Structure formats: structure tokens, C-alpha cells
Amino acid sequence: MKYYLSQLSPTQPIDQLTVLAHEMSLYLVKLSINGEEGILYAEDDRPMRFFNAMSIREAFSGFAVRESCMQHDTPYDEMIGNPQRPSSPVTLPFSIDTPY
């Protein structure tokens, strides 16, 4: 499923907001609303890219986000010749509230 920021309503709670952290300060957002998961897309129909955590917080200020986290999946083991780890991505707490 695709979500567009312009189509989301601040009155509709977001059950889960997951920040997908990639290398080089690139972040995508996965949302879960009413049991349906999907990636946040920009109006040009490409996944919406964020370049820092603060821009995600600003984009979702005013929205009711019940839970949020950040997932980071690192390719470093493969890059240095180690076998790929069978473990899932690292999941960390992520506060959607602005620190100021």
C-alpha cells in the first residue's frame, strides 16, 4: 500500500510509524494504519525520502502517532566478506516529538 502525506488526516491515528534507516542519511517511512502497512510516497509517486530525523518529526507534527521506532539494517558484514547475518534489522526507539 502507498500512503501520501497530503492524503493523511491528523484526526486519523497512525498505529505505527517506522523509520527505515539506510546508509548515507537516507530515511524512508513505513506506516501502519488500521492494520494496513505501506510506505510513505511523495507526490511524484516515489518513496518519500528524508535526510534527517528532524524532518520526519516536522512532517508528522500534529498527527496522532501511537507508536514509533527506527529500524536499521546494515550491510557491513556482506561488505567485508563475512556471511550475511540471519538476524532481523536492529529496531530502536524513535521519539516522534520534537526535542524543543
PDB file of N, CA and C in Angstrom:
ATOM      1  N   MET A   1       0.835  -1.176   0.000  1.00  0.00           N
ATOM      2  CA  MET A   1       0.000   0.000   0.000  1.00  0.00           C
ATOM      3  C   MET A   1       0.878   1.237   0.000  1.00  0.00           C
ATOM      4  N   LYS A   2       0.407   2.273  -0.654  1.00  0.00           N
ATOM      5  CA  LYS A   2       1.104   3.554  -0.688  1.00  0.00           C
ATOM      6  C   LYS A   2       0.325   4.561   0.136  1.00  0.00           C
ATOM      7  N   TYR A   3       1.054   5.308   0.956  1.00  0.00           N
ATOM      8  CA  TYR A   3       0.476   6.424   1.694  1.00  0.00           C
ATOM      9  C   TYR A   3       1.092   7.706   1.179  1.00  0.00           C
ATOM     10  N   TYR A   4       0.291   8.746   1.098  1.00  0.00           N
ATOM     11  CA  TYR A   4       0.748  10.072   0.695  1.00  0.00           C
ATOM     12  C   TYR A   4       0.473  11.025   1.849  1.00  0.00           C
ATOM     13  N   LEU A   5       1.437  11.846   2.205  1.00  0.00           N
ATOM     14  CA  LEU A   5       1.291  12.756   3.323  1.00  0.00           C
ATOM     15  C   LEU A   5       0.079  13.669   3.127  1.00  0.00           C
ATOM     16  N   SER A   6      -0.154  14.099   1.909  1.00  0.00           N
ATOM     17  CA  SER A   6      -1.271  15.002   1.635  1.00  0.00           C
ATOM     18  C   SER A   6      -2.629  14.336   1.839  1.00  0.00           C
ATOM     19  N   GLN A   7      -2.669  13.020   1.836  1.00  0.00           N
ATOM     20  CA  GLN A   7      -3.934  12.304   1.996  1.00  0.00           C
ATOM     21  C   GLN A   7      -4.160  11.815   3.424  1.00  0.00           C
ATOM     22  N   LEU A   8      -3.164  11.980   4.287  1.00  0.00           N
ATOM     23  CA  LEU A   8      -3.317  11.574   5.679  1.00  0.00           C
ATOM     24  C   LEU A   8      -4.053  12.658   6.453  1.00  0.00           C
ATOM     25  N   SER A   9      -4.861  12.245   7.397  1.00  0.00           N
ATOM     26  CA  SER A   9      -5.607  13.179   8.223  1.00  0.00           C
ATOM     27  C   SER A   9      -5.059  13.176   9.641  1.00  0.00           C
ATOM     28  N   PRO A  10      -4.817  14.364  10.200  1.00  0.00           N
ATOM     29  CA  PRO A  10      -4.347  14.409  11.593  1.00  0.00           C
ATOM     30  C   PRO A  10      -5.331  13.785  12.584  1.00  0.00           C
ATOM     31  N   THR A  11      -6.577  13.681  12.202  1.00  0.00           N
ATOM     32  CA  THR A  11      -7.564  13.082  13.108  1.00  0.00           C
ATOM     33  C   THR A  11      -7.570  11.558  13.026  1.00  0.00           C
ATOM     34  N   GLN A  12      -6.952  10.980  11.998  1.00  0.00           N
ATOM     35  CA  GLN A  12      -6.854   9.527  11.854  1.00  0.00           C
ATOM     36  C   GLN A  12      -5.565   9.060  12.511  1.00  0.00           C
ATOM     37  N   PRO A  13      -5.649   8.314  13.618  1.00  0.00           N
ATOM     38  CA  PRO A  13      -4.420   7.878  14.297  1.00  0.00           C
ATOM     39  C   PRO A  13      -3.563   6.966  13.420  1.00  0.00           C
ATOM     40  N   ILE A  14      -2.273   7.137  13.539  1.00  0.00           N
ATOM     41  CA  ILE A  14      -1.295   6.258  12.899  1.00  0.00           C
ATOM     42  C   ILE A  14      -0.885   5.253  13.961  1.00  0.00           C
ATOM     43  N   ASP A  15      -1.174   3.981  13.721  1.00  0.00           N
ATOM     44  CA  ASP A  15      -0.879   2.951  14.718  1.00  0.00           C
ATOM     45  C   ASP A  15       0.618   2.775  14.935  1.00  0.00           C
ATOM     46  N   GLN A  16       1.376   2.727  13.842  1.00  0.00           N
ATOM     47  CA  GLN A  16       2.824   2.523  13.927  1.00  0.00           C
ATOM     48  C   GLN A  16       3.506   3.331  12.836  1.00  0.00           C
ATOM     49  N   LEU A  17       4.509   4.098  13.213  1.00  0.00           N
ATOM     50  CA  LEU A  17       5.370   4.804  12.274  1.00  0.00           C
ATOM     51  C   LEU A  17       6.755   4.213  12.440  1.00  0.00           C
ATOM     52  N   THR A  18       7.280   3.630  11.375  1.00  0.00           N
ATOM     53  CA  THR A  18       8.606   3.023  11.415  1.00  0.00           C
ATOM     54  C   THR A  18       9.525   3.780  10.477  1.00  0.00           C
ATOM     55  N   VAL A  19      10.599   4.290  11.025  1.00  0.00           N
ATOM     56  CA  VAL A  19      11.622   4.964  10.225  1.00  0.00           C
ATOM     57  C   VAL A  19      12.586   3.887   9.758  1.00  0.00           C
ATOM     58  N   LEU A  20      12.736   3.750   8.452  1.00  0.00           N
ATOM     59  CA  LEU A  20      13.662   2.776   7.870  1.00  0.00           C
ATOM     60  C   LEU A  20      14.958   3.512   7.555  1.00  0.00           C
ATOM     61  N   ALA A  21      15.977   3.260   8.350  1.00  0.00           N
ATOM     62  CA  ALA A  21      17.250   3.962   8.208  1.00  0.00           C
ATOM     63  C   ALA A  21      18.137   3.226   7.222  1.00  0.00           C
ATOM     64  N   HIS A  22      18.620   3.975   6.241  1.00  0.00           N
ATOM     65  CA  HIS A  22      19.546   3.438   5.252  1.00  0.00           C
ATOM     66  C   HIS A  22      20.850   4.219   5.348  1.00  0.00           C
ATOM     67  N   GLU A  23      21.832   3.792   4.647  1.00  0.00           N
ATOM     68  CA  GLU A  23      23.137   4.448   4.699  1.00  0.00           C
ATOM     69  C   GLU A  23      23.073   5.850   4.089  1.00  0.00           C
ATOM     70  N   MET A  24      24.044   6.655   4.435  1.00  0.00           N
ATOM     71  CA  MET A  24      24.200   7.999   3.876  1.00  0.00           C
ATOM     72  C   MET A  24      23.042   8.923   4.258  1.00  0.00           C
ATOM     73  N   SER A  25      22.545   8.803   5.469  1.00  0.00           N
ATOM     74  CA  SER A  25      21.487   9.681   5.983  1.00  0.00           C
ATOM     75  C   SER A  25      20.250   9.680   5.106  1.00  0.00           C
ATOM     76  N   LEU A  26      19.811   8.513   4.732  1.00  0.00           N
ATOM     77  CA  LEU A  26      18.598   8.365   3.934  1.00  0.00           C
ATOM     78  C   LEU A  26      17.586   7.590   4.762  1.00  0.00           C
ATOM     79  N   TYR A  27      16.411   8.174   4.923  1.00  0.00           N
ATOM     80  CA  TYR A  27      15.362   7.567   5.720  1.00  0.00           C
ATOM     81  C   TYR A  27      14.072   7.480   4.913  1.00  0.00           C
ATOM     82  N   LEU A  28      13.395   6.339   5.020  1.00  0.00           N
ATOM     83  CA  LEU A  28      12.060   6.163   4.464  1.00  0.00           C
ATOM     84  C   LEU A  28      11.125   5.933   5.645  1.00  0.00           C
ATOM     85  N   VAL A  29       9.827   6.103   5.421  1.00  0.00           N
ATOM     86  CA  VAL A  29       8.857   5.933   6.494  1.00  0.00           C
ATOM     87  C   VAL A  29       7.840   4.882   6.086  1.00  0.00           C
ATOM     88  N   LYS A  30       7.626   3.918   6.990  1.00  0.00           N
ATOM     89  CA  LYS A  30       6.596   2.904   6.803  1.00  0.00           C
ATOM     90  C   LYS A  30       5.512   3.174   7.832  1.00  0.00           C
ATOM     91  N   LEU A  31       4.264   3.159   7.391  1.00  0.00           N
ATOM     92  CA  LEU A  31       3.140   3.437   8.275  1.00  0.00           C
ATOM     93  C   LEU A  31       2.233   2.221   8.385  1.00  0.00           C
ATOM     94  N   SER A  32       1.617   2.090   9.531  1.00  0.00           N
ATOM     95  CA  SER A  32       0.572   1.098   9.738  1.00  0.00           C
ATOM     96  C   SER A  32      -0.654   1.841  10.252  1.00  0.00           C
ATOM     97  N   ILE A  33      -1.736   1.792   9.456  1.00  0.00           N
ATOM     98  CA  ILE A  33      -2.978   2.465   9.812  1.00  0.00           C
ATOM     99  C   ILE A  33      -4.117   1.472   9.638  1.00  0.00           C
ATOM    100  N   ASN A  34      -4.851   1.255  10.698  1.00  0.00           N
ATOM    101  CA  ASN A  34      -5.976   0.303  10.671  1.00  0.00           C
ATOM    102  C   ASN A  34      -5.575  -1.068  10.140  1.00  0.00           C
ATOM    103  N   GLY A  35      -4.395  -1.545  10.526  1.00  0.00           N
ATOM    104  CA  GLY A  35      -3.949  -2.876  10.132  1.00  0.00           C
ATOM    105  C   GLY A  35      -3.345  -2.968   8.740  1.00  0.00           C
ATOM    106  N   GLU A  36      -3.274  -1.869   8.023  1.00  0.00           N
ATOM    107  CA  GLU A  36      -2.666  -1.877   6.682  1.00  0.00           C
ATOM    108  C   GLU A  36      -1.327  -1.154   6.724  1.00  0.00           C
ATOM    109  N   GLU A  37      -0.285  -1.820   6.201  1.00  0.00           N
ATOM    110  CA  GLU A  37       1.053  -1.239   6.176  1.00  0.00           C
ATOM    111  C   GLU A  37       1.395  -0.736   4.791  1.00  0.00           C
ATOM    112  N   GLY A  38       2.174   0.310   4.757  1.00  0.00           N
ATOM    113  CA  GLY A  38       2.632   0.829   3.478  1.00  0.00           C
ATOM    114  C   GLY A  38       3.716   1.863   3.672  1.00  0.00           C
ATOM    115  N   ILE A  39       4.396   2.151   2.594  1.00  0.00           N
ATOM    116  CA  ILE A  39       5.471   3.143   2.580  1.00  0.00           C
ATOM    117  C   ILE A  39       4.877   4.506   2.252  1.00  0.00           C
ATOM    118  N   LEU A  40       5.451   5.558   2.824  1.00  0.00           N
ATOM    119  CA  LEU A  40       5.043   6.927   2.539  1.00  0.00           C
ATOM    120  C   LEU A  40       5.648   7.348   1.205  1.00  0.00           C
ATOM    121  N   TYR A  41       4.808   7.841   0.320  1.00  0.00           N
ATOM    122  CA  TYR A  41       5.238   8.268  -1.011  1.00  0.00           C
ATOM    123  C   TYR A  41       5.114   9.775  -1.174  1.00  0.00           C
ATOM    124  N   ALA A  42       5.983  10.338  -2.006  1.00  0.00           N
ATOM    125  CA  ALA A  42       5.914  11.742  -2.373  1.00  0.00           C
ATOM    126  C   ALA A  42       4.912  11.890  -3.512  1.00  0.00           C
ATOM    127  N   GLU A  43       4.556  13.114  -3.807  1.00  0.00           N
ATOM    128  CA  GLU A  43       3.562  13.367  -4.852  1.00  0.00           C
ATOM    129  C   GLU A  43       4.047  12.946  -6.247  1.00  0.00           C
ATOM    130  N   ASP A  44       5.363  12.790  -6.436  1.00  0.00           N
ATOM    131  CA  ASP A  44       5.880  12.334  -7.735  1.00  0.00           C
ATOM    132  C   ASP A  44       5.854  10.809  -7.847  1.00  0.00           C
ATOM    133  N   ASP A  45       5.175  10.148  -6.910  1.00  0.00           N
ATOM    134  CA  ASP A  45       4.967   8.698  -6.896  1.00  0.00           C
ATOM    135  C   ASP A  45       6.251   7.901  -6.676  1.00  0.00           C
ATOM    136  N   ARG A  46       7.176   8.491  -5.945  1.00  0.00           N
ATOM    137  CA  ARG A  46       8.389   7.805  -5.495  1.00  0.00           C
ATOM    138  C   ARG A  46       8.373   7.787  -3.974  1.00  0.00           C
ATOM    139  N   PRO A  47       9.011   6.802  -3.367  1.00  0.00           N
ATOM    140  CA  PRO A  47       9.053   6.817  -1.899  1.00  0.00           C
ATOM    141  C   PRO A  47       9.605   8.141  -1.388  1.00  0.00           C
ATOM    142  N   MET A  48       8.927   8.707  -0.392  1.00  0.00           N
ATOM    143  CA  MET A  48       9.357   9.986   0.168  1.00  0.00           C
ATOM    144  C   MET A  48      10.635   9.771   0.962  1.00  0.00           C
ATOM    145  N   ARG A  49      11.662  10.523   0.605  1.00  0.00           N
ATOM    146  CA  ARG A  49      12.957  10.399   1.261  1.00  0.00           C
ATOM    147  C   ARG A  49      13.146  11.546   2.242  1.00  0.00           C
ATOM    148  N   PHE A  50      13.687  11.197   3.388  1.00  0.00           N
ATOM    149  CA  PHE A  50      14.048  12.187   4.394  1.00  0.00           C
ATOM    150  C   PHE A  50      15.549  12.063   4.618  1.00  0.00           C
ATOM    151  N   PHE A  51      16.196  13.178   4.970  1.00  0.00           N
ATOM    152  CA  PHE A  51      17.645  13.169   5.130  1.00  0.00           C
ATOM    153  C   PHE A  51      18.089  13.396   6.570  1.00  0.00           C
ATOM    154  N   ASN A  52      17.113  13.559   7.474  1.00  0.00           N
ATOM    155  CA  ASN A  52      17.430  13.617   8.903  1.00  0.00           C
ATOM    156  C   ASN A  52      16.164  13.332   9.701  1.00  0.00           C
ATOM    157  N   ALA A  53      16.349  12.948  10.937  1.00  0.00           N
ATOM    158  CA  ALA A  53      15.215  12.576  11.785  1.00  0.00           C
ATOM    159  C   ALA A  53      14.307  13.762  12.077  1.00  0.00           C
ATOM    160  N   MET A  54      14.876  14.946  12.179  1.00  0.00           N
ATOM    161  CA  MET A  54      14.069  16.122  12.492  1.00  0.00           C
ATOM    162  C   MET A  54      13.040  16.411  11.400  1.00  0.00           C
ATOM    163  N   SER A  55      13.395  16.182  10.146  1.00  0.00           N
ATOM    164  CA  SER A  55      12.446  16.437   9.059  1.00  0.00           C
ATOM    165  C   SER A  55      11.261  15.465   9.125  1.00  0.00           C
ATOM    166  N   ILE A  56      11.486  14.274   9.641  1.00  0.00           N
ATOM    167  CA  ILE A  56      10.384  13.326   9.835  1.00  0.00           C
ATOM    168  C   ILE A  56       9.479  13.827  10.957  1.00  0.00           C
ATOM    169  N   ARG A  57      10.089  14.275  12.032  1.00  0.00           N
ATOM    170  CA  ARG A  57       9.299  14.807  13.154  1.00  0.00           C
ATOM    171  C   ARG A  57       8.462  16.010  12.709  1.00  0.00           C
ATOM    172  N   GLU A  58       9.053  16.883  11.914  1.00  0.00           N
ATOM    173  CA  GLU A  58       8.326  18.064  11.432  1.00  0.00           C
ATOM    174  C   GLU A  58       7.179  17.660  10.512  1.00  0.00           C
ATOM    175  N   ALA A  59       7.407  16.683   9.638  1.00  0.00           N
ATOM    176  CA  ALA A  59       6.367  16.245   8.701  1.00  0.00           C
ATOM    177  C   ALA A  59       5.173  15.645   9.430  1.00  0.00           C
ATOM    178  N   PHE A  60       5.408  15.014  10.571  1.00  0.00           N
ATOM    179  CA  PHE A  60       4.330  14.346  11.300  1.00  0.00           C
ATOM    180  C   PHE A  60       3.885  15.098  12.551  1.00  0.00           C
ATOM    181  N   SER A  61       4.329  16.344  12.704  1.00  0.00           N
ATOM    182  CA  SER A  61       3.850  17.118  13.855  1.00  0.00           C
ATOM    183  C   SER A  61       2.358  17.377  13.649  1.00  0.00           C
ATOM    184  N   GLY A  62       1.615  17.233  14.687  1.00  0.00           N
ATOM    185  CA  GLY A  62       0.170  17.412  14.592  1.00  0.00           C
ATOM    186  C   GLY A  62      -0.592  16.126  14.312  1.00  0.00           C
ATOM    187  N   PHE A  63       0.123  15.048  13.985  1.00  0.00           N
ATOM    188  CA  PHE A  63      -0.514  13.758  13.749  1.00  0.00           C
ATOM    189  C   PHE A  63      -0.515  12.946  15.043  1.00  0.00           C
ATOM    190  N   ALA A  64      -1.516  12.108  15.199  1.00  0.00           N
ATOM    191  CA  ALA A  64      -1.595  11.221  16.358  1.00  0.00           C
ATOM    192  C   ALA A  64      -0.875   9.920  16.018  1.00  0.00           C
ATOM    193  N   VAL A  65       0.355   9.795  16.484  1.00  0.00           N
ATOM    194  CA  VAL A  65       1.165   8.605  16.235  1.00  0.00           C
ATOM    195  C   VAL A  65       1.223   7.812  17.535  1.00  0.00           C
ATOM    196  N   ARG A  66       0.658   6.612  17.501  1.00  0.00           N
ATOM    197  CA  ARG A  66       0.586   5.799  18.725  1.00  0.00           C
ATOM    198  C   ARG A  66       1.939   5.208  19.094  1.00  0.00           C
ATOM    199  N   GLU A  67       2.665   4.659  18.131  1.00  0.00           N
ATOM    200  CA  GLU A  67       3.984   4.065  18.380  1.00  0.00           C
ATOM    201  C   GLU A  67       4.918   4.441  17.245  1.00  0.00           C
ATOM    202  N   SER A  68       6.192   4.569  17.579  1.00  0.00           N
ATOM    203  CA  SER A  68       7.183   4.855  16.539  1.00  0.00           C
ATOM    204  C   SER A  68       8.500   4.177  16.906  1.00  0.00           C
ATOM    205  N   CYS A  69       9.234   3.793  15.873  1.00  0.00           N
ATOM    206  CA  CYS A  69      10.534   3.157  16.070  1.00  0.00           C
ATOM    207  C   CYS A  69      11.390   3.404  14.827  1.00  0.00           C
ATOM    208  N   MET A  70      12.659   3.075  14.945  1.00  0.00           N
ATOM    209  CA  MET A  70      13.583   3.168  13.815  1.00  0.00           C
ATOM    210  C   MET A  70      14.202   1.795  13.604  1.00  0.00           C
ATOM    211  N   GLN A  71      14.220   1.347  12.356  1.00  0.00           N
ATOM    212  CA  GLN A  71      14.861   0.074  12.007  1.00  0.00           C
ATOM    213  C   GLN A  71      16.086   0.371  11.159  1.00  0.00           C
ATOM    214  N   HIS A  72      17.170  -0.297  11.512  1.00  0.00           N
ATOM    215  CA  HIS A  72      18.409  -0.123  10.762  1.00  0.00           C
ATOM    216  C   HIS A  72      18.941  -1.502  10.380  1.00  0.00           C
ATOM    217  N   ASP A  73      19.075  -1.718   9.095  1.00  0.00           N
ATOM    218  CA  ASP A  73      19.613  -2.978   8.586  1.00  0.00           C
ATOM    219  C   ASP A  73      20.951  -2.659   7.929  1.00  0.00           C
ATOM    220  N   THR A  74      22.017  -3.158   8.484  1.00  0.00           N
ATOM    221  CA  THR A  74      23.346  -2.815   7.987  1.00  0.00           C
ATOM    222  C   THR A  74      23.902  -3.882   7.041  1.00  0.00           C
ATOM    223  N   PRO A  75      24.506  -3.460   5.950  1.00  0.00           N
ATOM    224  CA  PRO A  75      25.114  -4.411   5.013  1.00  0.00           C
ATOM    225  C   PRO A  75      26.595  -4.658   5.281  1.00  0.00           C
ATOM    226  N   TYR A  76      27.127  -4.189   6.417  1.00  0.00           N
ATOM    227  CA  TYR A  76      28.570  -4.233   6.623  1.00  0.00           C
ATOM    228  C   TYR A  76      29.158  -5.639   6.625  1.00  0.00           C
ATOM    229  N   ASP A  77      28.461  -6.621   7.175  1.00  0.00           N
ATOM    230  CA  ASP A  77      29.012  -7.982   7.171  1.00  0.00           C
ATOM    231  C   ASP A  77      29.267  -8.452   5.741  1.00  0.00           C
ATOM    232  N   GLU A  78      28.319  -8.240   4.871  1.00  0.00           N
ATOM    233  CA  GLU A  78      28.487  -8.655   3.479  1.00  0.00           C
ATOM    234  C   GLU A  78      29.615  -7.884   2.804  1.00  0.00           C
ATOM    235  N   MET A  79      29.749  -6.605   3.156  1.00  0.00           N
ATOM    236  CA  MET A  79      30.747  -5.754   2.505  1.00  0.00           C
ATOM    237  C   MET A  79      32.176  -6.182   2.814  1.00  0.00           C
ATOM    238  N   ILE A  80      32.377  -6.787   3.984  1.00  0.00           N
ATOM    239  CA  ILE A  80      33.744  -7.178   4.350  1.00  0.00           C
ATOM    240  C   ILE A  80      33.975  -8.672   4.211  1.00  0.00           C
ATOM    241  N   GLY A  81      33.056  -9.359   3.533  1.00  0.00           N
ATOM    242  CA  GLY A  81      33.251 -10.765   3.228  1.00  0.00           C
ATOM    243  C   GLY A  81      32.734 -11.739   4.263  1.00  0.00           C
ATOM    244  N   ASN A  82      32.102 -11.244   5.309  1.00  0.00           N
ATOM    245  CA  ASN A  82      31.503 -12.140   6.300  1.00  0.00           C
ATOM    246  C   ASN A  82      30.159 -12.647   5.776  1.00  0.00           C
ATOM    247  N   PRO A  83      29.723 -13.805   6.246  1.00  0.00           N
ATOM    248  CA  PRO A  83      28.406 -14.283   5.815  1.00  0.00           C
ATOM    249  C   PRO A  83      27.302 -13.356   6.323  1.00  0.00           C
ATOM    250  N   GLN A  84      26.246 -13.289   5.575  1.00  0.00           N
ATOM    251  CA  GLN A  84      25.116 -12.457   5.951  1.00  0.00           C
ATOM    252  C   GLN A  84      24.497 -12.977   7.240  1.00  0.00           C
ATOM    253  N   ARG A  85      24.180 -12.077   8.136  1.00  0.00           N
ATOM    254  CA  ARG A  85      23.562 -12.458   9.400  1.00  0.00           C
ATOM    255  C   ARG A  85      22.093 -12.802   9.189  1.00  0.00           C
ATOM    256  N   PRO A  86      21.633 -13.865   9.813  1.00  0.00           N
ATOM    257  CA  PRO A  86      20.226 -14.229   9.667  1.00  0.00           C
ATOM    258  C   PRO A  86      19.301 -13.411  10.556  1.00  0.00           C
ATOM    259  N   SER A  87      19.866 -12.525  11.368  1.00  0.00           N
ATOM    260  CA  SER A  87      19.034 -11.772  12.302  1.00  0.00           C
ATOM    261  C   SER A  87      18.249 -10.681  11.588  1.00  0.00           C
ATOM    262  N   SER A  88      17.223 -10.224  12.253  1.00  0.00           N
ATOM    263  CA  SER A  88      16.387  -9.160  11.712  1.00  0.00           C
ATOM    264  C   SER A  88      17.072  -7.815  11.920  1.00  0.00           C
ATOM    265  N   PRO A  89      16.551  -6.766  11.282  1.00  0.00           N
ATOM    266  CA  PRO A  89      17.154  -5.444  11.458  1.00  0.00           C
ATOM    267  C   PRO A  89      17.117  -4.999  12.922  1.00  0.00           C
ATOM    268  N   VAL A  90      18.033  -4.132  13.275  1.00  0.00           N
ATOM    269  CA  VAL A  90      18.071  -3.567  14.612  1.00  0.00           C
ATOM    270  C   VAL A  90      16.925  -2.570  14.731  1.00  0.00           C
ATOM    271  N   THR A  91      16.096  -2.723  15.763  1.00  0.00           N
ATOM    272  CA  THR A  91      14.983  -1.811  15.995  1.00  0.00           C
ATOM    273  C   THR A  91      15.266  -1.004  17.252  1.00  0.00           C
ATOM    274  N   LEU A  92      15.175   0.319  17.110  1.00  0.00           N
ATOM    275  CA  LEU A  92      15.466   1.240  18.202  1.00  0.00           C
ATOM    276  C   LEU A  92      14.254   2.117  18.467  1.00  0.00           C
ATOM    277  N   PRO A  93      14.109   2.614  19.692  1.00  0.00           N
ATOM    278  CA  PRO A  93      13.016   3.562  19.950  1.00  0.00           C
ATOM    279  C   PRO A  93      13.242   4.834  19.146  1.00  0.00           C
ATOM    280  N   PHE A  94      12.163   5.467  18.728  1.00  0.00           N
ATOM    281  CA  PHE A  94      12.238   6.725  17.988  1.00  0.00           C
ATOM    282  C   PHE A  94      11.135   7.632  18.506  1.00  0.00           C
ATOM    283  N   SER A  95      11.507   8.765  19.036  1.00  0.00           N
ATOM    284  CA  SER A  95      10.515   9.718  19.532  1.00  0.00           C
ATOM    285  C   SER A  95      10.066  10.603  18.383  1.00  0.00           C
ATOM    286  N   ILE A  96       8.782  10.635  18.143  1.00  0.00           N
ATOM    287  CA  ILE A  96       8.232  11.465  17.080  1.00  0.00           C
ATOM    288  C   ILE A  96       8.091  12.929  17.535  1.00  0.00           C
ATOM    289  N   ASP A  97       8.188  13.149  18.839  1.00  0.00           N
ATOM    290  CA  ASP A  97       8.073  14.511  19.367  1.00  0.00           C
ATOM    291  C   ASP A  97       9.363  15.286  19.131  1.00  0.00           C
ATOM    292  N   THR A  98       9.231  16.566  18.804  1.00  0.00           N
ATOM    293  CA  THR A  98      10.406  17.397  18.610  1.00  0.00           C
ATOM    294  C   THR A  98      11.044  17.663  19.967  1.00  0.00           C
ATOM    295  N   PRO A  99      12.366  17.682  20.022  1.00  0.00           N
ATOM    296  CA  PRO A  99      13.050  17.850  21.311  1.00  0.00           C
ATOM    297  C   PRO A  99      12.974  19.255  21.879  1.00  0.00           C
ATOM    298  N   TYR A 100      12.401  20.203  21.164  1.00  0.00           N
ATOM    299  CA  TYR A 100      12.318  21.575  21.693  1.00  0.00           C
ATOM    300  C   TYR A 100      10.925  22.093  21.653  1.00  0.00           C
TER     301      TYR A 100
END
